Protein backbone atom coordinates (compact mmCIF):
# COMPACT_ATOMS: atom_id res chain seq x y z
CA MET A 1 0.78 -3.49 -1.90
CA LYS A 2 0.27 -7.03 -0.68
CA LEU A 3 3.32 -6.83 1.59
CA PHE A 4 2.15 -3.56 3.16
CA LEU A 5 -1.36 -4.97 3.64
CA THR A 6 0.12 -8.04 5.35
CA PHE A 7 2.10 -5.69 7.60
CA LEU A 8 -1.08 -3.78 8.50
CA ARG A 9 -2.95 -7.00 9.17
CA ASN A 10 -0.17 -8.15 11.48
CA MET A 11 -0.51 -4.83 13.34
CA GLY A 12 -4.09 -5.82 14.19
CA ILE A 13 -6.10 -3.39 12.06
CA ASP A 14 -9.89 -3.34 11.82
CA GLU A 15 -10.31 -4.62 8.27
CA GLN A 16 -13.74 -2.99 7.96
CA LYS A 17 -12.01 0.42 7.96
CA LEU A 18 -9.90 -0.39 4.89
CA ARG A 19 -10.84 1.49 1.74
CA ILE A 20 -9.52 0.78 -1.73
CA ARG A 21 -9.54 3.06 -4.77
CA VAL A 22 -8.48 2.01 -8.24
CA LYS A 23 -7.30 4.29 -11.04
CA VAL A 24 -7.81 2.90 -14.51
CA SER A 25 -7.64 4.08 -18.08
CA ASP A 26 -10.82 4.44 -20.06
CA ILE A 27 -10.00 1.23 -21.96
CA SER A 28 -10.24 -0.91 -18.80
CA SER A 29 -13.39 -2.39 -17.31
CA VAL A 30 -13.81 -0.93 -13.82
CA LYS A 31 -15.69 -4.03 -12.62
CA ALA A 32 -12.96 -6.35 -13.89
CA VAL A 33 -10.23 -4.22 -12.32
CA GLU A 34 -12.01 -4.08 -8.96
CA ALA A 35 -12.61 -7.84 -9.10
CA PHE A 36 -8.89 -8.40 -9.75
CA TRP A 37 -7.75 -6.21 -6.82
CA SER A 38 -10.44 -7.62 -4.53
CA LYS A 39 -9.26 -11.16 -5.16
CA TYR A 40 -5.54 -10.29 -5.14
CA LEU A 41 -5.73 -8.39 -1.84
CA ASP A 42 -8.52 -10.49 -0.29
CA ILE A 43 -10.69 -7.44 0.37
CA PRO A 44 -14.46 -7.40 -0.29
CA LYS A 45 -15.67 -5.24 -3.19
CA GLU A 46 -17.94 -3.37 -0.75
CA GLN A 47 -14.83 -1.66 0.65
CA PHE A 48 -13.92 -0.12 -2.71
CA ILE A 49 -14.67 3.57 -3.13
CA LYS A 50 -15.42 5.48 -6.32
CA PRO A 51 -12.79 4.64 -8.98
CA ILE A 52 -10.90 7.22 -10.98
CA VAL A 53 -11.14 6.68 -14.73
CA ARG A 54 -8.47 8.51 -16.66
CA GLY A 55 -8.38 9.31 -20.35
CA ARG A 56 -5.69 8.19 -22.74
CA GLY A 57 -2.66 10.22 -23.62
CA PRO A 58 0.86 10.89 -22.38
CA ARG A 59 -0.30 12.40 -19.07
CA HIS A 60 -2.59 9.45 -18.32
CA SER A 61 -0.45 6.48 -19.20
CA ASN A 62 -0.89 3.26 -17.22
CA ILE A 63 2.22 1.92 -18.95
CA GLY A 64 0.19 -0.84 -20.53
CA SER A 65 -1.38 -2.05 -17.28
CA TYR A 66 -4.96 -3.18 -17.73
CA TYR A 67 -5.39 -3.35 -13.94
CA GLY A 68 -4.37 0.25 -13.34
CA THR A 69 -3.16 1.30 -9.92
CA CYS A 70 -4.58 0.67 -6.50
CA THR A 71 -4.55 2.93 -3.44
CA LEU A 72 -5.15 1.62 0.05
CA ARG A 73 -6.60 3.95 2.70
CA TYR A 74 -6.73 3.35 6.43
CA HIS A 75 -7.15 6.24 8.85
CA ASN A 76 -6.01 5.60 12.41
CA ALA A 77 -3.76 8.06 14.27
CA ARG A 78 -2.73 5.50 16.90
CA LEU A 79 -1.61 3.01 14.27
CA TYR A 80 0.25 5.79 12.43
CA ARG A 81 2.21 6.63 15.59
CA ARG A 82 3.05 2.94 16.16
CA ILE A 83 4.35 2.59 12.59
CA VAL A 84 6.41 5.79 12.81
CA ASN A 85 7.84 4.66 16.16
CA ARG A 86 8.88 1.28 14.75
CA ALA A 87 10.38 2.87 11.66
CA SER A 88 12.30 5.33 13.81
CA LYS A 89 13.73 2.50 15.92
CA LEU A 90 14.72 0.60 12.78
CA VAL A 91 16.48 3.63 11.30
CA HIS A 92 18.25 4.24 14.61
CA CYS A 93 19.55 0.64 14.66
CA PHE A 94 21.08 1.03 11.20
CA ALA A 95 22.40 4.52 11.87
CA GLU A 96 24.46 3.56 14.93
CA LYS A 97 28.19 3.65 14.41
CA PRO A 98 29.91 0.30 14.81
CA GLU A 99 32.33 -0.08 17.68
CA PRO A 100 35.97 0.28 16.64
CA LEU A 101 37.96 -2.91 16.22
CA THR A 102 40.57 -3.56 18.84
CA SER A 103 44.10 -4.34 17.86
CA LEU A 104 45.02 -8.02 17.73
CA THR A 105 48.71 -7.39 18.55
C-alpha cells in the first residue's frame, strides 16, 4: 500500500481527493486502526470514510491482523489513463523478442 501511495504521489495527485476505508473485525478498535493507517500512510484521519466492521467466523477472518485491511480510493480518469499507458509501455518492453545472436565463427 505504501509503495503504491508513493507511486501516486510521484504522479502528482491531489492528496485532498484520497479516501481511505478500513475493514476490521469486531474485536478491533476502529479508532486505533484508523490512527495506525493514518500514521503509517501519512494521511489525515479526515480523509477516512466509513469503516466496515466485520463479524467473527471463517468468512470474516482477518488472519489475526488487529489492523485489518485498508483500501485506498482515488478517482481521476486522466491519471488512470496515464498509469495504464505506462504499464502498457512496460509490458511491451518486456514482451519484445530479443535479437538473435550472430555467429562468432
